[in-house]
C-alpha atoms as a PDB file:
ATOM      1  CA  MET A   1      15.920 -11.367   8.765  1.00  0.00           C
ATOM      2  CA  THR A   2      14.883 -11.736   5.159  1.00  0.00           C
ATOM      3  CA  PHE A   3      11.721 -10.112   3.869  1.00  0.00           C
ATOM      4  CA  GLU A   4       9.950 -13.460   3.943  1.00  0.00           C
ATOM      5  CA  GLN A   5      11.065 -14.165   7.523  1.00  0.00           C
ATOM      6  CA  GLN A   6       9.953 -10.719   8.660  1.00  0.00           C
ATOM      7  CA  LEU A   7       6.590 -11.172   6.925  1.00  0.00           C
ATOM      8  CA  ALA A   8       6.111 -14.513   8.686  1.00  0.00           C
ATOM      9  CA  ALA A   9       7.219 -13.059  12.043  1.00  0.00           C
ATOM     10  CA  LEU A  10       4.441 -10.487  11.698  1.00  0.00           C
ATOM     11  CA  GLY A  11       1.947 -13.265  10.939  1.00  0.00           C
ATOM     12  CA  LEU A  12       1.368 -11.945   7.418  1.00  0.00           C
ATOM     13  CA  THR A  13       1.327 -13.464   3.957  1.00  0.00           C
ATOM     14  CA  LEU A  14       1.350 -11.747   0.605  1.00  0.00           C
ATOM     15  CA  PRO A  15      -1.850 -12.151  -1.384  1.00  0.00           C
ATOM     16  CA  PRO A  16      -1.766 -12.888  -5.100  1.00  0.00           C
ATOM     17  CA  ALA A  17      -1.054  -9.686  -7.015  1.00  0.00           C
ATOM     18  CA  PRO A  18      -4.390  -7.914  -7.589  1.00  0.00           C
ATOM     19  CA  LYS A  19      -5.666  -7.535 -11.120  1.00  0.00           C
ATOM     20  CA  PRO A  20      -6.418  -4.022 -12.383  1.00  0.00           C
ATOM     21  CA  VAL A  21     -10.000  -2.804 -11.961  1.00  0.00           C
ATOM     22  CA  ALA A  22      -9.801  -0.505 -15.012  1.00  0.00           C
ATOM     23  CA  SER A  23      -7.648   0.217 -18.080  1.00  0.00           C
ATOM     24  CA  TYR A  24      -4.077   0.227 -16.705  1.00  0.00           C
ATOM     25  CA  ILE A  25      -1.332  -2.196 -15.729  1.00  0.00           C
ATOM     26  CA  PRO A  26      -0.350  -3.045 -12.130  1.00  0.00           C
ATOM     27  CA  ALA A  27       3.202  -1.690 -12.422  1.00  0.00           C
ATOM     28  CA  VAL A  28       5.698  -0.135 -14.770  1.00  0.00           C
ATOM     29  CA  ARG A  29       9.400  -0.743 -14.429  1.00  0.00           C
ATOM     30  CA  THR A  30      11.779   1.776 -15.912  1.00  0.00           C
ATOM     31  CA  GLY A  31      15.439   1.219 -15.185  1.00  0.00           C
ATOM     32  CA  ASN A  32      15.722   0.353 -11.502  1.00  0.00           C
ATOM     33  CA  LEU A  33      12.394   1.915 -10.482  1.00  0.00           C
ATOM     34  CA  VAL A  34       9.056   0.124 -10.188  1.00  0.00           C
ATOM     35  CA  PHE A  35       5.992   2.374 -10.164  1.00  0.00           C
ATOM     36  CA  VAL A  36       3.117   0.421  -8.606  1.00  0.00           C
ATOM     37  CA  SER A  37      -0.366   1.569  -9.564  1.00  0.00           C
ATOM     38  CA  GLY A  38      -2.716   2.613  -6.779  1.00  0.00           C
ATOM     39  CA  GLN A  39      -3.815  -0.355  -4.696  1.00  0.00           C
ATOM     40  CA  LEU A  40      -7.167  -0.638  -2.980  1.00  0.00           C
ATOM     41  CA  PRO A  41      -7.653  -2.547   0.298  1.00  0.00           C
ATOM     42  CA  PHE A  42      -8.853  -5.791  -1.273  1.00  0.00           C
ATOM     43  CA  LYS A  43      -8.581  -8.860   0.942  1.00  0.00           C
ATOM     44  CA  ASP A  44      -9.961 -12.179  -0.261  1.00  0.00           C
ATOM     45  CA  GLY A  45     -11.704 -10.373  -3.130  1.00  0.00           C
ATOM     46  CA  GLN A  46     -13.553  -7.890  -0.910  1.00  0.00           C
ATOM     47  CA  LEU A  47     -12.838  -4.274  -0.012  1.00  0.00           C
ATOM     48  CA  MET A  48     -11.884  -4.068   3.676  1.00  0.00           C
ATOM     49  CA  ALA A  49     -12.978  -0.458   4.085  1.00  0.00           C
ATOM     50  CA  THR A  50     -15.385   1.769   2.206  1.00  0.00           C
ATOM     51  CA  GLY A  51     -16.712   5.252   2.669  1.00  0.00           C
ATOM     52  CA  PRO A  52     -15.234   8.375   4.160  1.00  0.00           C
ATOM     53  CA  VAL A  53     -13.003   8.483   7.212  1.00  0.00           C
ATOM     54  CA  PRO A  54     -14.032   8.861  10.016  1.00  0.00           C
ATOM     55  CA  SER A  55     -17.840   8.837   9.538  1.00  0.00           C
ATOM     56  CA  ALA A  56     -18.132   5.513   7.675  1.00  0.00           C
ATOM     57  CA  CYS A  57     -14.705   4.040   8.423  1.00  0.00           C
ATOM     58  CA  SER A  58     -12.793   4.566  11.661  1.00  0.00           C
ATOM     59  CA  VAL A  59      -9.206   5.775  11.621  1.00  0.00           C
ATOM     60  CA  GLU A  60      -8.131   2.374  12.975  1.00  0.00           C
ATOM     61  CA  ALA A  61     -10.000   0.487  10.231  1.00  0.00           C
ATOM     62  CA  ALA A  62      -8.497   2.844   7.631  1.00  0.00           C
ATOM     63  CA  GLN A  63      -4.998   2.148   9.028  1.00  0.00           C
ATOM     64  CA  ALA A  64      -5.644  -1.598   8.635  1.00  0.00           C
ATOM     65  CA  ALA A  65      -6.860  -0.923   5.090  1.00  0.00           C
ATOM     66  CA  ALA A  66      -3.652   0.989   4.383  1.00  0.00           C
ATOM     67  CA  ARG A  67      -1.657  -2.052   5.545  1.00  0.00           C
ATOM     68  CA  GLN A  68      -3.622  -4.230   3.148  1.00  0.00           C
ATOM     69  CA  CYS A  69      -3.036  -1.774   0.304  1.00  0.00           C
ATOM     70  CA  VAL A  70       0.705  -2.038   0.989  1.00  0.00           C
ATOM     71  CA  LEU A  71       0.564  -5.849   1.050  1.00  0.00           C
ATOM     72  CA  ASN A  72      -1.260  -5.796  -2.282  1.00  0.00           C
ATOM     73  CA  GLY A  73       1.340  -3.400  -3.684  1.00  0.00           C
ATOM     74  CA  LEU A  74       4.175  -5.597  -2.463  1.00  0.00           C
ATOM     75  CA  ALA A  75       2.543  -8.569  -4.208  1.00  0.00           C
ATOM     76  CA  VAL A  76       2.783  -6.547  -7.432  1.00  0.00           C
ATOM     77  CA  VAL A  77       6.441  -5.754  -6.664  1.00  0.00           C
ATOM     78  CA  GLY A  78       7.010  -9.476  -6.107  1.00  0.00           C
ATOM     79  CA  ASP A  79       5.799 -10.157  -9.643  1.00  0.00           C
ATOM     80  CA  GLN A  80       8.246  -7.546 -10.948  1.00  0.00           C
ATOM     81  CA  VAL A  81      11.256  -9.096  -9.147  1.00  0.00           C
ATOM     82  CA  GLY A  82      10.366 -12.734  -9.779  1.00  0.00           C
ATOM     83  CA  GLY A  83       9.481 -13.251  -6.120  1.00  0.00           C
ATOM     84  CA  ASP A  84      13.020 -12.331  -4.989  1.00  0.00           C
ATOM     85  CA  PHE A  85      12.546  -9.545  -2.442  1.00  0.00           C
ATOM     86  CA  SER A  86      16.301  -9.372  -1.869  1.00  0.00           C
ATOM     87  CA  ARG A  87      16.239  -7.370  -5.119  1.00  0.00           C
ATOM     88  CA  VAL A  88      14.338  -4.546  -3.380  1.00  0.00           C
ATOM     89  CA  VAL A  89      16.867  -1.781  -2.663  1.00  0.00           C
ATOM     90  CA  ARG A  90      14.497   0.658  -0.957  1.00  0.00           C
ATOM     91  CA  ILE A  91      10.973   1.963  -0.815  1.00  0.00           C
ATOM     92  CA  VAL A  92      11.361   5.406  -2.375  1.00  0.00           C
ATOM     93  CA  ARG A  93       7.908   6.955  -2.044  1.00  0.00           C
ATOM     94  CA  VAL A  94       4.391   6.175  -0.895  1.00  0.00           C
ATOM     95  CA  GLY A  95       1.323   8.047  -2.080  1.00  0.00           C
ATOM     96  CA  ALA A  96      -1.645   7.573   0.252  1.00  0.00           C
ATOM     97  CA  PHE A  97      -5.138   8.748  -0.644  1.00  0.00           C
ATOM     98  CA  VAL A  98      -7.835   8.792   2.022  1.00  0.00           C
ATOM     99  CA  GLN A  99     -11.525   9.308   1.317  1.00  0.00           C
ATOM    100  CA  SER A 100     -12.188  11.947   3.946  1.00  0.00           C
ATOM    101  CA  ASP A 101     -15.066  13.715   5.584  1.00  0.00           C
ATOM    102  CA  ASP A 102     -14.992  17.508   5.350  1.00  0.00           C
ATOM    103  CA  GLY A 103     -12.705  18.833   8.055  1.00  0.00           C
ATOM    104  CA  PHE A 104     -10.846  15.521   8.582  1.00  0.00           C
ATOM    105  CA  THR A 105      -7.109  16.227   8.739  1.00  0.00           C
ATOM    106  CA  GLU A 106      -5.575  12.970  10.001  1.00  0.00           C
ATOM    107  CA  GLN A 107      -4.647  11.485   6.620  1.00  0.00           C
ATOM    108  CA  PRO A 108      -1.008  11.053   7.785  1.00  0.00           C
ATOM    109  CA  LYS A 109      -2.230   8.934  10.709  1.00  0.00           C
ATOM    110  CA  VAL A 110      -4.120   6.671   8.282  1.00  0.00           C
ATOM    111  CA  ALA A 111      -1.102   6.455   5.956  1.00  0.00           C
ATOM    112  CA  ASN A 112       1.057   5.399   8.919  1.00  0.00           C
ATOM    113  CA  GLY A 113      -0.679   2.021   8.790  1.00  0.00           C
ATOM    114  CA  GLY A 114       1.122   1.308   5.526  1.00  0.00           C
ATOM    115  CA  SER A 115       4.311   3.243   6.222  1.00  0.00           C
ATOM    116  CA  GLU A 116       4.974   1.486   9.509  1.00  0.00           C
ATOM    117  CA  LEU A 117       4.477  -1.908   7.868  1.00  0.00           C
ATOM    118  CA  LEU A 118       7.067  -1.072   5.196  1.00  0.00           C
ATOM    119  CA  GLN A 119       9.551  -0.084   7.891  1.00  0.00           C
ATOM    120  CA  GLN A 120       8.872  -3.299   9.824  1.00  0.00           C
ATOM    121  CA  LEU A 121       9.387  -5.415   6.707  1.00  0.00           C
ATOM    122  CA  PHE A 122      12.428  -3.683   5.207  1.00  0.00           C
ATOM    123  CA  GLY A 123      14.038  -1.808   8.098  1.00  0.00           C
ATOM    124  CA  GLU A 124      15.881   1.375   7.101  1.00  0.00           C
ATOM    125  CA  PRO A 125      15.320   0.756   3.347  1.00  0.00           C
ATOM    126  CA  GLY A 126      11.585   0.794   4.135  1.00  0.00           C
ATOM    127  CA  ARG A 127      11.717   4.447   5.241  1.00  0.00           C
ATOM    128  CA  HIS A 128      10.355   6.569   2.416  1.00  0.00           C
ATOM    129  CA  ALA A 129       9.130   9.921   1.209  1.00  0.00           C
ATOM    130  CA  ARG A 130       5.341  10.193   1.336  1.00  0.00           C
ATOM    131  CA  ALA A 131       2.278  12.184   0.469  1.00  0.00           C
ATOM    132  CA  ALA A 132      -0.955  11.653   2.424  1.00  0.00           C
ATOM    133  CA  VAL A 133      -3.876  13.291   0.656  1.00  0.00           C
ATOM    134  CA  GLY A 134      -7.548  13.624   1.529  1.00  0.00           C
ATOM    135  CA  THR A 135     -10.119  13.283  -1.240  1.00  0.00           C
ATOM    136  CA  ASN A 136     -13.897  13.191  -1.520  1.00  0.00           C
ATOM    137  CA  ALA A 137     -14.043   9.849  -3.361  1.00  0.00           C
ATOM    138  CA  LEU A 138     -11.912   6.872  -4.395  1.00  0.00           C
ATOM    139  CA  PRO A 139     -12.526   4.050  -6.884  1.00  0.00           C
ATOM    140  CA  LEU A 140     -15.254   1.594  -5.868  1.00  0.00           C
ATOM    141  CA  GLY A 141     -15.909   3.689  -2.751  1.00  0.00           C
ATOM    142  CA  ALA A 142     -12.688   2.517  -1.075  1.00  0.00           C
ATOM    143  CA  SER A 143     -11.614   4.404   2.024  1.00  0.00           C
ATOM    144  CA  VAL A 144      -7.901   4.199   1.174  1.00  0.00           C
ATOM    145  CA  GLU A 145      -5.711   3.828  -1.921  1.00  0.00           C
ATOM    146  CA  ILE A 146      -1.916   3.547  -1.862  1.00  0.00           C
ATOM    147  CA  GLU A 147       0.675   3.732  -4.637  1.00  0.00           C
ATOM    148  CA  LEU A 148       4.338   2.760  -4.290  1.00  0.00           C
ATOM    149  CA  LEU A 149       7.616   3.718  -5.917  1.00  0.00           C
ATOM    150  CA  VAL A 150      10.281   1.060  -5.285  1.00  0.00           C
ATOM    151  CA  GLU A 151      13.943   0.886  -6.258  1.00  0.00           C
ATOM    152  CA  VAL A 152      15.051  -2.602  -7.305  1.00  0.00           C
ATOM    153  CA  ARG A 153      18.184  -4.348  -8.605  1.00  0.00           C
END
């Protein structure tokens, strides 16, 4: 299946590429690598999840937010490849940041929400290296932020 067919089979659509919320650009391409800036879980202009996990945002809600972050990041990738996802060679790395309560250690479980989506959409090329990091705060109070590194043709 193509990327678009797999997206549709999952009942998903890509949103428009989010605009930056500060002084940076959504992505930088150098050679065959696209570095996607950190994406927040915006859906229809609203943050899906705010506050620390798990006290203000459940692990399950944070996983859904991670999926949305990945969809937003893929929308940025789409802009970089002219909408032609056949040009995506592989997802190289994912950086997941989770606003966490003291003592919370399940950041990898939250990040799996995004990682599993990438594997569903791209198959083996969607498997990637990853860091899942807990932090005390994220921009705009978001519960999750995800950055992507993608190899393209």
